[in-house]
Every structure is written in C-alpha cells, then in structure tokens.
Amino acid sequence: MDVHKETTTYAVFEDGDFKGTDTIPSKPSVMQSLARSKRGAIFIMEACGIHEWIHDILDDEDADVRVFVAPRREAKQRKSDVNDAVLLARRFLSSELRQVFVAPKNIRDLRQIVEDRAFLVKVRTMHINRLKSLLNMTGVHARHGSHNLRKRKEELAQIVPSSRMMQDMIKILDGQIKTFDKTIMAEGAKIPVVTRLRSIRGFGKLVALAFYVKVWDVRRFPNADALVSYLGSDPVWESSGDKHRDTHKTSRTCSNLLRSYLNQASWVHVNAPSTSNISQDYQAKSRSLGKGRAIGRVQRKLIKAAYHVWKDDRDFTMTRPASLVSCRAQAAT
C-alpha cells in the first residue's frame, strides 16, 4: 500500500505472483471495507505521516498490518504510486525491508501529551526572551540593572503597550503547562514502570514518562546496548583499515526531545548531593575527557540503568556491589 492523504494505491500479490493494482480514497470507511474484503491478507505500507491511523483501522478489523521503512527505488525506475506499491511488495517478499514498530494508540496519546507540553514551553520561552529583549531596547534594563520581568513588566507595558499582550500570553501558557504537568503526574502514577524509573536520580515525572512512552516495551531490546543505540546515545566510531577512532559524538537517531530530557537528567544526576558510582565516574572522567564528553558517558549509563530497573523490576540504588555492572540496579538480597 502506497498511502497518501487523499488516495491510497495498493498492489495485490498472491503466492508471489502479481495480480493487479487499484486506487482508493484514504478514508476510514474505505479502509474498513478493504480490510473486510481482504480477510487473511498481509497489509504492507510505508512509514509516513498518516500511517498510524490507517494502521489502527486495519488492526481493529483483525488484519495483519505491518509498517516498513520506505525502500530505495531501483536505478532509472519511474516514480509513481503504482510502482511504489509494487516495489514495496516485491521487497517484502524478498525480506529486504526493515520493519517499523507502531506503538499502541494509548501510548501514542501519552507521547502527544509530552510533545505538546514541550511545544508550550518553547513558545513561552520565546515570549520571555522577546520581553527581555524589549527591556534592553527600551533602556529599562539600563536604568534598573535587572531583567526581572515581574518587577519591570508594568513599566515596560507603559513604554511598549504591545508587551502587555505578551505578558498575558505568558500567564496563559503558564496555566496550560501546569495543566499538562498535572496530567503527566496523574498518568505516570498509574504506570508502575514510571514509578520505578523515578527511583533513578534525575528521572523526574516528565523524564520518566517520556522515557516510558518512547520505549514502551523494554523486552523489544535484547540488551541495554541495543536500547542505547535506539535512543541515539551510542558513540560514533570512524574506521580506516585496522584503525578505529572514537569521534566522541553520538548517532542522535532518536527524537531531540527525549535526548534533551536525558541530557538534563544526566546533569541533575551528577550534581546531586548524594553520589552514585555513575556520578563518581563522571568526576573522574571529566578531568581527562572534558565535561561534555563525560556527560555523554553518564547519559549512556543512565539509559542502561533504566533498562535494568525496568527489566528486573527493581528500584535503582545509589551504591552497588562491585561485582555488578556499574549501571545496573542492585540485585535483591
């Protein structure tokens, strides 16, 4: 299936033989009819901006639906919806496609809550920075030597009347962000895994829930290193012949939002009054590697710690026996 906003083109294969193609409207009712008319078939489609709702409709009809990364077109192949659908089917039959994990709808709803909160914070920061800029341009900062908006907002509003609207917008955004925080706290309290993750220093209610909704099922990963790679925190190496060099960079294949949260959690962890062996390792490595590179090591270790806390269903402990992996939660005694 080559899906688009308006239409969907699909190619039918039976026992490996091409049977034909058809184009249908991309509407829920039409997708339901297609699933019912093709009982027992395997539905294949590319990952795109609209594949999730189509996946949900087909899945509700008990269809075997799978989502894959879009394959590369063959050289000199003409691009068309029909050719794309046929190519997708042929690559699936030859096992050349990489499948994409589609989380359940309730998990995607929680992801949306986390992302919407981050968007509101970004907008609020934009308005605050604009007001601070006005403080400088109008000379309020020069006269009083302070960027404190609470103390100077009335004086600024008299000089720049339009700034009052931005101040009102900041108040509205503050209220909306608090509402999102309450929702995140309530939803996180219902999930035992999130409570476990919060035992890790730096994993607050927001980071723990964001980590949970991104990973969803830790059993999908064979080991902690696979999870580190999935979240884009794995180090990038350069190879030339028999030589291998650590570039001290990360792959960054995951969303910027979660990596930002994990970076904040790493700094909170190493700056906490109570020290763990992870923060002790940071203090030792920061002198030789620098703070930036050392905090990257902390981020990877916290991800591994979260992996074992989740998989073993144990709280994280700040001190552990030396025989255990440095980032693993303490085994039950």
Protein backbone atom coordinates (compact mmCIF):
# COMPACT_ATOMS: atom_id res chain seq x y z
CA MET A 1 0.00 0.00 0.00
CA ASP A 2 1.32 3.40 -1.06
CA VAL A 3 -0.67 5.71 1.22
CA HIS A 4 -1.25 9.44 0.80
CA LYS A 5 -3.59 12.00 2.33
CA GLU A 6 -6.17 11.81 -0.44
CA THR A 7 -5.70 8.40 -2.07
CA THR A 8 -4.07 5.03 -1.43
CA THR A 9 -2.73 2.80 -4.19
CA TYR A 10 -2.28 -0.88 -3.42
CA ALA A 11 -0.82 -3.81 -5.32
CA VAL A 12 -2.10 -7.35 -4.81
CA PHE A 13 0.24 -10.34 -4.79
CA GLU A 14 -0.90 -13.93 -4.37
CA ASP A 15 1.64 -16.75 -3.89
CA GLY A 16 4.31 -14.34 -5.10
CA ASP A 17 2.50 -13.54 -8.35
CA PHE A 18 1.36 -10.04 -9.23
CA LYS A 19 -2.45 -9.85 -9.57
CA GLY A 20 -3.12 -6.15 -10.15
CA THR A 21 -3.44 -2.72 -8.54
CA ASP A 22 -6.18 -0.34 -7.52
CA THR A 23 -6.51 3.18 -6.10
CA ILE A 24 -8.98 4.02 -3.33
CA PRO A 25 -9.73 7.14 -1.24
CA SER A 26 -7.83 7.41 2.02
CA LYS A 27 -10.93 7.38 4.19
CA PRO A 28 -11.66 5.33 7.33
CA SER A 29 -14.80 3.71 5.88
CA VAL A 30 -12.97 2.70 2.71
CA MET A 31 -10.09 1.23 4.70
CA GLN A 32 -12.54 -0.80 6.77
CA SER A 33 -14.16 -2.16 3.61
CA LEU A 34 -10.74 -3.03 2.19
CA ALA A 35 -9.77 -4.95 5.32
CA ARG A 36 -13.04 -6.89 5.29
CA SER A 37 -12.73 -7.76 1.60
CA LYS A 38 -9.15 -9.00 2.02
CA ARG A 39 -9.52 -11.26 5.03
CA GLY A 40 -6.36 -13.25 5.73
CA ALA A 41 -4.13 -10.95 3.66
CA ILE A 42 -0.98 -9.21 4.89
CA PHE A 43 -1.19 -5.43 4.56
CA ILE A 44 2.16 -3.74 3.90
CA MET A 45 2.68 0.03 3.90
CA GLU A 46 5.45 2.58 4.23
CA ALA A 47 6.06 4.62 7.35
CA CYS A 48 4.78 8.13 6.73
CA GLY A 49 2.88 10.94 8.43
CA ILE A 50 -0.52 9.23 8.19
CA HIS A 51 0.28 5.55 8.56
CA GLU A 52 -0.73 5.37 12.24
CA TRP A 53 -4.48 5.96 11.85
CA ILE A 54 -4.61 3.61 8.85
CA HIS A 55 -2.75 1.01 10.91
CA ASP A 56 -5.27 1.40 13.73
CA ILE A 57 -8.29 0.94 11.43
CA LEU A 58 -6.86 -2.15 9.75
CA ASP A 59 -5.78 -3.57 13.10
CA ASP A 60 -9.29 -3.08 14.52
CA GLU A 61 -10.54 -5.29 11.68
CA ASP A 62 -8.10 -8.03 12.81
CA ALA A 63 -5.94 -7.52 9.71
CA ASP A 64 -2.26 -8.46 9.70
CA VAL A 65 -0.81 -4.99 9.04
CA ARG A 66 2.89 -4.20 9.01
CA VAL A 67 4.77 -0.93 8.56
CA PHE A 68 8.23 -0.71 6.99
CA VAL A 69 10.83 1.88 6.14
CA ALA A 70 10.39 3.08 2.56
CA PRO A 71 12.68 1.09 0.23
CA ARG A 72 15.04 2.70 -2.21
CA ARG A 73 13.81 2.77 -5.77
CA GLU A 74 15.77 0.91 -8.37
CA ALA A 75 18.01 2.84 -10.75
CA LYS A 76 16.15 4.64 -13.55
CA GLN A 77 12.82 3.41 -12.21
CA ARG A 78 9.99 5.81 -12.88
CA LYS A 79 8.32 7.05 -9.73
CA SER A 80 4.57 6.53 -9.46
CA ASP A 81 2.13 5.34 -6.84
CA VAL A 82 1.67 2.01 -8.64
CA ASN A 83 5.42 1.44 -8.98
CA ASP A 84 5.97 2.32 -5.33
CA ALA A 85 3.29 -0.15 -4.19
CA VAL A 86 4.68 -2.93 -6.39
CA LEU A 87 8.25 -2.24 -5.26
CA LEU A 88 7.19 -2.35 -1.61
CA ALA A 89 5.52 -5.72 -2.11
CA ARG A 90 8.46 -7.22 -4.00
CA ARG A 91 10.96 -6.05 -1.39
CA PHE A 92 8.75 -7.54 1.34
CA LEU A 93 8.62 -10.90 -0.44
CA SER A 94 12.41 -10.88 -0.71
CA SER A 95 12.77 -9.92 3.01
CA GLU A 96 14.65 -6.70 2.23
CA LEU A 97 12.52 -4.32 4.29
CA ARG A 98 13.15 -3.00 7.79
CA GLN A 99 10.00 -3.07 9.92
CA VAL A 100 8.88 -0.07 11.94
CA PHE A 101 7.44 -0.50 15.42
CA VAL A 102 3.99 1.05 15.86
CA ALA A 103 3.09 1.70 19.49
CA PRO A 104 -0.49 1.22 20.73
CA LYS A 105 -2.78 4.21 20.48
CA ASN A 106 -2.85 4.91 24.24
CA ILE A 107 0.96 5.11 24.25
CA ARG A 108 0.92 7.45 21.27
CA ASP A 109 -1.61 9.64 23.10
CA LEU A 110 0.79 9.91 26.04
CA ARG A 111 3.60 10.77 23.64
CA GLN A 112 1.47 13.57 22.26
CA ILE A 113 0.90 14.97 25.74
CA VAL A 114 4.65 15.08 26.39
CA GLU A 115 5.34 16.68 23.00
CA ASP A 116 2.56 19.26 23.39
CA ARG A 117 3.94 20.31 26.77
CA ALA A 118 7.39 20.74 25.27
CA PHE A 119 5.91 22.87 22.49
CA LEU A 120 4.17 25.15 25.00
CA VAL A 121 7.41 25.55 26.96
CA LYS A 122 9.18 26.51 23.73
CA VAL A 123 6.54 29.12 22.91
CA ARG A 124 6.66 30.53 26.46
CA THR A 125 10.45 30.81 26.30
CA MET A 126 10.14 32.67 23.01
CA HIS A 127 7.82 35.26 24.58
CA ILE A 128 10.02 35.65 27.67
CA ASN A 129 13.11 36.20 25.52
CA ARG A 130 11.21 38.78 23.49
CA LEU A 131 10.27 40.69 26.64
CA LYS A 132 13.86 40.60 27.85
CA SER A 133 14.94 41.97 24.50
CA LEU A 134 12.43 44.81 24.89
CA LEU A 135 13.86 45.57 28.32
CA ASN A 136 17.21 46.19 26.66
CA MET A 137 15.90 48.11 23.65
CA THR A 138 13.78 50.48 25.74
CA GLY A 139 16.51 51.12 28.29
CA VAL A 140 14.58 49.68 31.26
CA HIS A 141 17.40 47.27 31.94
CA ALA A 142 19.99 50.06 31.75
CA ARG A 143 18.09 52.21 34.27
CA HIS A 144 17.40 49.47 36.80
CA GLY A 145 20.08 46.87 36.08
CA SER A 146 17.64 43.98 36.24
CA HIS A 147 15.96 41.58 33.80
CA ASN A 148 13.33 40.65 36.38
CA LEU A 149 10.12 40.74 34.37
CA ARG A 150 7.89 40.63 37.43
CA LYS A 151 9.32 43.88 38.75
CA ARG A 152 9.59 45.71 35.42
CA LYS A 153 6.56 44.46 33.46
CA GLU A 154 4.33 47.44 34.34
CA GLU A 155 6.97 49.99 33.39
CA LEU A 156 7.66 48.08 30.19
CA ALA A 157 3.92 47.97 29.36
CA GLN A 158 3.72 51.75 29.66
CA ILE A 159 6.62 52.21 27.23
CA VAL A 160 5.62 49.38 24.86
CA PRO A 161 1.84 48.77 25.15
CA SER A 162 2.02 45.65 22.96
CA SER A 163 4.21 43.94 25.56
CA ARG A 164 1.17 43.58 27.83
CA MET A 165 -0.31 41.09 25.36
CA MET A 166 2.86 39.01 25.55
CA GLN A 167 2.72 39.14 29.34
CA ASP A 168 -0.87 37.91 29.23
CA MET A 169 0.15 35.15 26.83
CA ILE A 170 2.88 34.03 29.22
CA LYS A 171 0.30 33.77 32.02
CA ILE A 172 -1.97 31.68 29.81
CA LEU A 173 0.92 29.41 28.81
CA ASP A 174 1.94 29.00 32.46
CA GLY A 175 -1.57 27.80 33.28
CA GLN A 176 -1.64 25.39 30.35
CA ILE A 177 1.76 23.97 31.22
CA LYS A 178 0.63 23.39 34.81
CA THR A 179 -2.42 21.54 33.47
CA PHE A 180 -0.16 19.33 31.37
CA ASP A 181 2.05 18.71 34.42
CA LYS A 182 -0.96 17.54 36.42
CA THR A 183 -1.96 15.20 33.61
CA ILE A 184 1.57 13.83 33.31
CA MET A 185 1.74 13.28 37.07
CA ALA A 186 -1.64 11.52 37.10
CA GLU A 187 -0.86 9.30 34.11
CA GLY A 188 2.60 8.44 35.42
CA ALA A 189 1.19 7.40 38.80
CA LYS A 190 -0.92 4.76 37.05
CA ILE A 191 2.13 3.08 35.46
CA PRO A 192 4.35 1.03 37.81
CA VAL A 193 7.31 1.23 35.42
CA VAL A 194 7.30 5.03 35.58
CA THR A 195 7.41 4.86 39.38
CA ARG A 196 10.40 2.51 39.16
CA LEU A 197 12.20 4.80 36.73
CA ARG A 198 11.73 7.75 39.06
CA SER A 199 14.00 5.99 41.56
CA ILE A 200 16.89 6.99 39.29
CA ARG A 201 18.31 10.35 40.31
CA GLY A 202 17.43 12.83 37.54
CA PHE A 203 14.42 10.92 36.25
CA GLY A 204 11.57 13.16 37.34
CA LYS A 205 7.92 12.72 36.46
CA LEU A 206 8.37 14.19 32.99
CA VAL A 207 11.59 12.39 32.02
CA ALA A 208 10.33 9.05 33.35
CA LEU A 209 7.07 9.26 31.42
CA ALA A 210 8.81 10.47 28.24
CA PHE A 211 11.26 7.57 28.51
CA TYR A 212 8.44 5.08 29.04
CA VAL A 213 6.27 6.21 26.12
CA LYS A 214 9.27 6.24 23.77
CA VAL A 215 10.47 2.74 24.68
CA TRP A 216 7.07 1.30 25.69
CA ASP A 217 8.28 -2.31 25.95
CA VAL A 218 11.85 -2.86 27.09
CA ARG A 219 11.62 -6.53 26.09
CA ARG A 220 11.90 -5.42 22.46
CA PHE A 221 15.61 -4.88 23.08
CA PRO A 222 17.95 -7.86 23.64
CA ASN A 223 20.31 -5.88 25.86
CA ALA A 224 21.00 -2.44 27.26
CA ASP A 225 23.37 -1.50 24.42
CA ALA A 226 20.56 -2.02 21.92
CA LEU A 227 18.40 0.44 23.85
CA VAL A 228 21.25 2.97 23.94
CA SER A 229 21.56 2.68 20.17
CA TYR A 230 17.79 3.01 19.70
CA LEU A 231 17.74 6.24 21.71
CA GLY A 232 20.60 7.70 19.68
CA SER A 233 23.13 7.92 22.52
CA ASP A 234 25.57 5.35 21.14
CA PRO A 235 29.04 6.67 20.27
CA VAL A 236 30.02 7.08 16.61
CA TRP A 237 33.28 5.43 15.53
CA GLU A 238 35.38 6.09 12.45
CA SER A 239 37.20 3.17 10.86
CA SER A 240 40.05 3.18 8.38
CA GLY A 241 41.68 -0.17 7.72
CA ASP A 242 42.59 -1.70 11.07
CA LYS A 243 42.32 1.62 12.90
CA HIS A 244 39.22 2.64 14.86
CA ARG A 245 38.72 6.07 16.38
CA ASP A 246 36.03 7.29 18.75
CA THR A 247 34.68 10.58 17.40
CA HIS A 248 33.14 11.39 20.82
CA LYS A 249 29.84 12.07 19.04
CA THR A 250 26.52 10.27 19.27
CA SER A 251 24.37 8.93 16.45
CA ARG A 252 21.35 11.08 17.51
CA THR A 253 18.88 8.78 15.78
CA CYS A 254 16.21 9.39 18.42
CA SER A 255 13.98 12.42 18.83
CA ASN A 256 15.67 15.61 20.00
CA LEU A 257 13.12 16.00 22.79
CA LEU A 258 13.97 12.78 24.64
CA ARG A 259 17.70 13.30 24.18
CA SER A 260 17.29 16.77 25.65
CA TYR A 261 15.45 15.33 28.65
CA LEU A 262 18.09 12.64 29.14
CA ASN A 263 20.83 15.26 28.97
CA GLN A 264 19.08 17.28 31.69
CA ALA A 265 18.66 14.13 33.77
CA SER A 266 22.38 13.41 33.41
CA TRP A 267 23.36 16.82 34.77
CA VAL A 268 20.91 16.51 37.65
CA HIS A 269 22.34 13.09 38.47
CA VAL A 270 25.99 14.19 38.61
CA ASN A 271 25.22 17.42 40.50
CA ALA A 272 23.08 15.75 43.16
CA PRO A 273 24.41 15.86 46.75
CA SER A 274 24.15 12.07 47.01
CA THR A 275 26.66 10.44 44.67
CA SER A 276 26.37 7.14 42.83
CA ASN A 277 29.13 5.27 41.06
CA ILE A 278 27.86 6.85 37.83
CA SER A 279 28.48 10.37 39.14
CA GLN A 280 31.82 9.26 40.62
CA ASP A 281 32.85 8.01 37.19
CA TYR A 282 31.83 11.39 35.74
CA GLN A 283 34.02 13.25 38.25
CA ALA A 284 36.97 11.06 37.30
CA LYS A 285 36.46 11.20 33.52
CA SER A 286 35.54 14.89 33.27
CA ARG A 287 39.12 15.86 34.05
CA SER A 288 40.55 13.91 31.13
CA LEU A 289 37.67 13.90 28.63
CA GLY A 290 36.05 17.21 29.44
CA LYS A 291 32.57 17.79 30.84
CA GLY A 292 30.76 17.47 27.52
CA ARG A 293 32.18 14.06 26.64
CA ALA A 294 31.91 12.82 30.21
CA ILE A 295 28.22 13.74 30.42
CA GLY A 296 27.64 11.67 27.28
CA ARG A 297 29.01 8.65 29.16
CA VAL A 298 26.65 9.45 32.04
CA GLN A 299 23.69 9.58 29.65
CA ARG A 300 24.51 6.13 28.27
CA LYS A 301 24.90 4.71 31.76
CA LEU A 302 21.59 6.16 32.90
CA ILE A 303 19.87 4.57 29.90
CA LYS A 304 21.44 1.24 30.79
CA ALA A 305 20.43 1.70 34.41
CA ALA A 306 16.86 2.42 33.30
CA TYR A 307 16.95 -0.70 31.15
CA HIS A 308 17.81 -2.94 34.10
CA VAL A 309 15.50 -1.14 36.52
CA TRP A 310 12.66 -1.71 34.05
CA LYS A 311 13.54 -5.24 33.01
CA ASP A 312 14.38 -6.53 36.50
CA ASP A 313 11.51 -4.59 38.12
CA ARG A 314 13.77 -3.16 40.86
CA ASP A 315 14.40 0.32 42.17
CA PHE A 316 17.69 2.00 41.37
CA THR A 317 20.20 2.20 44.20
CA MET A 318 22.98 4.76 44.53
CA THR A 319 25.54 2.23 45.79
CA ARG A 320 26.01 -1.29 44.47
CA PRO A 321 28.39 -4.21 44.98
CA ALA A 322 31.49 -4.01 42.78
CA SER A 323 30.65 -7.37 41.21
CA LEU A 324 27.62 -5.92 39.46
CA VAL A 325 27.64 -3.95 36.23
CA SER A 326 28.30 -0.30 37.04
CA CYS A 327 24.96 0.90 35.76
CA ARG A 328 22.79 -1.98 36.92
CA ALA A 329 20.34 -1.86 39.80
CA GLN A 330 21.26 -3.85 42.87
CA ALA A 331 20.04 -7.43 42.91
CA ALA A 332 17.61 -8.44 45.59
CA THR A 333 19.21 -9.99 48.69
